[in-house]
Amino acid sequence: MHRLISAYRAQGASGLVSKRRGKPSNRGYPATFRNNVIEFVREHYPNCGATFVAKKLAEHHGVRVSHETVRRWMIDGGLSSGDTRDQAKRTAFEWMRSVLQKRIGEEELHRDSGDLPDLARLLHCLYGGRLLNRNRSMVILAKHHGLAPGVICNFLGISQRTFQTYWRAFEHGGTTELFSRRITPARKVGNNEVKEAVFSLLHEPPSNYGVNRTSWRMADLCRILRQKGQSVSAEVVRKITKAAGYRWRKARVVLTSNDPAYSERLDHIRAILSSLRPDEAFFSIDEYGPFAVKAKPGLTLTAPGEQRTVPQWQKSRGCLLMTAALELSGNQVTHFYSARKNTAEMIRIMEVLVDQYRDRKKLYLSWDRASWHISKRLLKRIEEHNAAVQSGQGPIVETAPLPTGAQFLNVIESVFSGMARAIIHNSDYKSVDDAKVAIDRYLEERNAHFRQHPRRAGNKIWRMEREPAAFSEANNCKDPRYR
């Protein structure tokens, strides 16, 4: 049944037609011919299997009969039984052992193998290679000699799956593919290039690649990655996304932007950053919160037998909302506290940055596409500001909004995630002012550190940030586990 289904899938209705049609059956051969073959086998190949016998009959004696026909004739002639099968197995083992011990010379192997490609390399790896390559060579030599796969596997101590892997590799790419080093899935999971390729693809809508779906399927992900030169399995993709804290079934974890202009907006930001001059600054802007000031759960080191608890029902000691901007070149954070998220606060952060970076010629403001980030009032205020500074008395302001639903590209989210793990989780501030003091100190120390050390160094608390403070389309700055 399985063979019929496979044939139908591969060839359609024509695959269901028997290949034996028009050919003589076992009983269609003359009895004299059949008896001559049986006697010939009894004389020259008495302890060999039907597959091997059929091959040798065709190669050296010009008798072309299928191995199934030979098997039937051998059974009828008393040449195939349990004892003879055991003897055939012993004969096969002895042949492979003789090849390994060089009791069968290279000339005989050349003569026996005929047109086997790269025989010299197979023998070189068989006699001088490591165990893995010796097994690979023996699989090819023994299979080409006509030995059964099961016998070969028993002799080498390998599985049928490993046997098939070696044989398919040789058929597909010869000894080059047979002896090529294989990258294990574990190595690919830790490969940064593979990770970036996976997340870069996840961040784009499937329609960008002609996939008529609104969300990615594992099969489509693997196929597109292969087309882009990254051959990864579903297991590798699953491990990479799981290690990053994402799950496929949770709608609250957003890995894919549905913005039809995703690529254009992303290319625009990358073009700005690639040509950013020393007298220009690029800011990643967002809000942190609002969050309630109360006892927070989190991981903590506890003594044996101790268990820290946090009441489920608590009275909030206040609410906190912070608006912040991260300047990517200097890795400096500018922040203040807001009462709400609205256009007025965006205008305020713009004015603060203009005043703080008045020595620059142009400021780029990048944020997600929340309504108050792209409001008409904000854009009008930016136009008024730019018109007022045409004389060169301040920096020009230009916006570079992220694609819709692409908060994972907002670099400042990684700063928020590191801050949350450091001073928000596991906290129990008594008031809003105490929480503000902790946040101010964290960001002040962070800025001081990066002013003194432009490169990350030391085991500082801000090293817990989820991503480097650099823009990349493969970033996952918004951490679902710590926000």
Foldseek 3Di string as FASTA:
>chain_A
DVQCVVQCVVPNPVSNDDPCPPPADLVRDDPVVLVVLLVVCVVPPLLAALQLSQVCCCPPPVDHDDSVSSNVSCVVVVSDDPVSPVSNLVVLLVVLVCLLVCVPPPVNLCVQLPPQPPLVVLSCCLHPNDLLSVLLSSLVSSVSSRDDLVSSCVNSVHDSVVSVVSVVQCVVPNVVSNPDDDDDLVNLLPDPVNLLLLLLVQAEAPVVVVDPDRHDDLVSSQVVCVVVPHRHHSVSSVSNCVVLPDDDPDPVDRSYFPFPCQVVLVVVVVVCVVPPDPLEWEKQKDKDDFDFQFFAADDDDDDPPDDDDDDPDDDTQDTWMKIWIATLQLRAIDIDTDPDDALVVVLVVVVVVFVVSFSHAEYEYEYEVDCRVDDPVNVVVLVVVQVVCVVPRTHRYHYRYHGHSPRQQRLCLLQVLLLLNPAVHRDGDPHPVSVVVSVVVVSVVVSVVSVVPVDDDDDDSSVSGPDPSDGDSSGRRNRPVRD
